[in-house]
């Protein structure tokens, strides 16, 4: 478990982590709290043909918010990064299959943001959570 939390004090890795965490928290929050985004989320689910609509409609945004919080805090951030990957792979699929432009109110139809999030999660997984994280604070206390 120690290796999951091992990181450097790099500010670049810390900024990457904070940005990814905020992005995930905002995405989950907007799907649940803002009617336009909730409607767009509903369109995405219907057009992509996902089963268990209610479970996914409520569960994924809640998970995104929780994962974003874990990443933002840098508490076992590598696990958070690992959880981002399947969500973003599904998001790439959605971007490539959904044709209604109303399903993407604040981003292009091409899967640009999911791919960027995948790269950020990959960096977080490989390099760790960086500066200002609980992971580095735990590491410093063991020294």
Protein backbone atom coordinates (compact mmCIF):
# COMPACT_ATOMS: atom_id res chain seq x y z
CA UNK A 1 0.00 0.00 0.00
CA UNK A 2 2.93 2.35 0.60
CA UNK A 3 3.83 2.33 -3.10
CA UNK A 4 0.31 3.49 -3.97
CA UNK A 5 0.97 6.67 -1.99
CA UNK A 6 4.61 7.20 -2.97
CA UNK A 7 5.08 10.49 -4.80
CA UNK A 8 7.47 13.37 -5.27
CA UNK A 9 6.97 16.92 -4.13
CA UNK A 10 6.59 18.08 -7.73
CA UNK A 11 4.29 21.05 -8.16
CA UNK A 12 3.55 19.99 -11.76
CA UNK A 13 2.14 16.66 -10.54
CA UNK A 14 0.25 18.48 -7.80
CA UNK A 15 -1.30 20.89 -10.32
CA UNK A 16 -2.24 17.97 -12.58
CA UNK A 17 -3.94 16.23 -9.64
CA UNK A 18 -5.80 19.33 -8.47
CA UNK A 19 -7.05 20.12 -11.99
CA UNK A 20 -8.24 16.54 -12.58
CA UNK A 21 -9.94 16.43 -9.19
CA UNK A 22 -11.75 19.73 -9.76
CA UNK A 23 -12.77 18.65 -13.27
CA UNK A 24 -14.30 15.42 -11.94
CA UNK A 25 -16.02 17.07 -8.99
CA UNK A 26 -17.53 19.73 -11.26
CA UNK A 27 -18.69 17.20 -13.82
CA UNK A 28 -20.48 15.10 -11.22
CA UNK A 29 -21.98 18.15 -9.53
CA UNK A 30 -23.21 19.73 -12.78
CA UNK A 31 -24.94 16.52 -13.92
CA UNK A 32 -26.92 16.43 -10.67
CA UNK A 33 -27.49 20.10 -9.87
CA UNK A 34 -27.82 21.97 -13.17
CA UNK A 35 -30.94 21.14 -15.22
CA UNK A 36 -29.29 21.74 -18.61
CA UNK A 37 -26.46 19.36 -17.79
CA UNK A 38 -28.82 16.79 -16.27
CA UNK A 39 -30.88 16.87 -19.47
CA UNK A 40 -27.75 16.51 -21.61
CA UNK A 41 -26.61 13.60 -19.43
CA UNK A 42 -30.01 11.96 -19.94
CA UNK A 43 -29.71 12.37 -23.73
CA UNK A 44 -26.27 10.77 -23.64
CA UNK A 45 -27.51 7.76 -21.69
CA UNK A 46 -30.54 7.21 -23.94
CA UNK A 47 -28.71 7.65 -27.25
CA UNK A 48 -25.78 5.47 -26.19
CA UNK A 49 -28.27 2.76 -25.18
CA UNK A 50 -27.08 2.14 -21.64
CA UNK A 51 -29.14 -0.24 -19.48
CA UNK A 52 -30.13 0.52 -15.87
CA UNK A 53 -30.84 4.17 -16.68
CA UNK A 54 -31.79 5.30 -13.15
CA UNK A 55 -28.79 3.64 -11.54
CA UNK A 56 -26.36 5.13 -14.02
CA UNK A 57 -28.08 8.54 -14.10
CA UNK A 58 -27.60 9.02 -10.35
CA UNK A 59 -24.69 6.69 -9.59
CA UNK A 60 -22.09 7.89 -12.07
CA UNK A 61 -22.25 11.60 -11.12
CA UNK A 62 -22.07 10.70 -7.42
CA UNK A 63 -19.05 8.48 -8.14
CA UNK A 64 -17.45 11.24 -10.21
CA UNK A 65 -17.84 13.69 -7.34
CA UNK A 66 -16.37 11.23 -4.82
CA UNK A 67 -13.49 10.24 -7.11
CA UNK A 68 -12.82 13.92 -7.82
CA UNK A 69 -12.69 14.63 -4.09
CA UNK A 70 -10.25 11.75 -3.50
CA UNK A 71 -8.03 13.01 -6.31
CA UNK A 72 -8.24 16.65 -5.25
CA UNK A 73 -7.17 15.77 -1.70
CA UNK A 74 -4.48 13.44 -2.95
CA UNK A 75 -5.58 10.67 -0.62
CA UNK A 76 -4.63 7.42 -2.36
CA UNK A 77 -4.83 9.49 -5.54
CA UNK A 78 -3.46 6.67 -7.68
CA UNK A 79 -6.56 4.62 -6.89
CA UNK A 80 -8.69 7.61 -7.89
CA UNK A 81 -6.74 7.85 -11.15
CA UNK A 82 -7.33 4.17 -11.80
CA UNK A 83 -11.08 4.70 -11.32
CA UNK A 84 -11.06 7.61 -13.79
CA UNK A 85 -9.84 5.40 -16.63
CA UNK A 86 -12.96 3.21 -17.20
CA UNK A 87 -15.26 6.21 -16.76
CA UNK A 88 -13.35 8.17 -19.40
CA UNK A 89 -13.18 5.21 -21.78
CA UNK A 90 -16.98 5.04 -21.62
CA UNK A 91 -17.08 8.82 -22.13
CA UNK A 92 -15.01 8.42 -25.32
CA UNK A 93 -17.53 5.81 -26.51
CA UNK A 94 -20.42 8.19 -25.73
CA UNK A 95 -18.77 11.05 -27.61
CA UNK A 96 -18.27 8.82 -30.64
CA UNK A 97 -21.80 7.33 -30.69
CA UNK A 98 -24.14 10.12 -29.58
CA UNK A 99 -25.15 12.38 -32.47
CA UNK A 100 -27.41 14.92 -30.73
CA UNK A 101 -25.44 18.18 -30.32
CA UNK A 102 -27.60 19.05 -27.30
CA UNK A 103 -25.95 16.19 -25.43
CA UNK A 104 -22.71 18.16 -25.09
CA UNK A 105 -23.56 21.66 -23.84
CA UNK A 106 -20.08 22.79 -22.81
CA UNK A 107 -17.68 20.71 -24.85
CA UNK A 108 -17.16 19.62 -28.43
CA UNK A 109 -18.71 16.43 -29.77
CA UNK A 110 -15.25 14.99 -30.37
CA UNK A 111 -13.89 13.21 -27.25
CA UNK A 112 -11.28 15.89 -26.52
CA UNK A 113 -11.99 16.31 -22.80
CA UNK A 114 -12.22 12.57 -22.05
CA UNK A 115 -8.87 12.00 -23.79
CA UNK A 116 -7.28 14.86 -21.83
CA UNK A 117 -8.69 13.42 -18.60
CA UNK A 118 -7.27 10.00 -19.54
CA UNK A 119 -3.82 11.51 -20.05
CA UNK A 120 -4.05 13.40 -16.75
CA UNK A 121 -5.12 10.22 -14.94
CA UNK A 122 -2.26 8.32 -16.58
CA UNK A 123 0.24 10.90 -15.36
CA UNK A 124 -1.26 10.73 -11.88
CA UNK A 125 -1.09 6.92 -11.89
CA UNK A 126 2.54 6.82 -13.07
CA UNK A 127 4.01 9.79 -11.16
CA UNK A 128 1.82 10.14 -8.09
CA UNK A 129 -0.08 12.99 -6.53
CA UNK A 130 2.73 15.52 -6.09
CA UNK A 131 2.66 18.61 -3.90
CA UNK A 132 -0.13 19.53 -1.49
CA UNK A 133 -1.47 15.99 -1.16
CA UNK A 134 -2.29 13.75 1.76
CA UNK A 135 -0.12 11.12 0.07
CA UNK A 136 3.02 13.24 0.31
CA UNK A 137 2.21 14.35 3.85
CA UNK A 138 2.01 10.71 4.93
CA UNK A 139 5.27 10.00 3.15
CA UNK A 140 7.03 12.94 4.85
CA UNK A 141 5.87 11.78 8.30
CA UNK A 142 7.48 8.37 7.77
CA UNK A 143 10.89 9.93 7.09
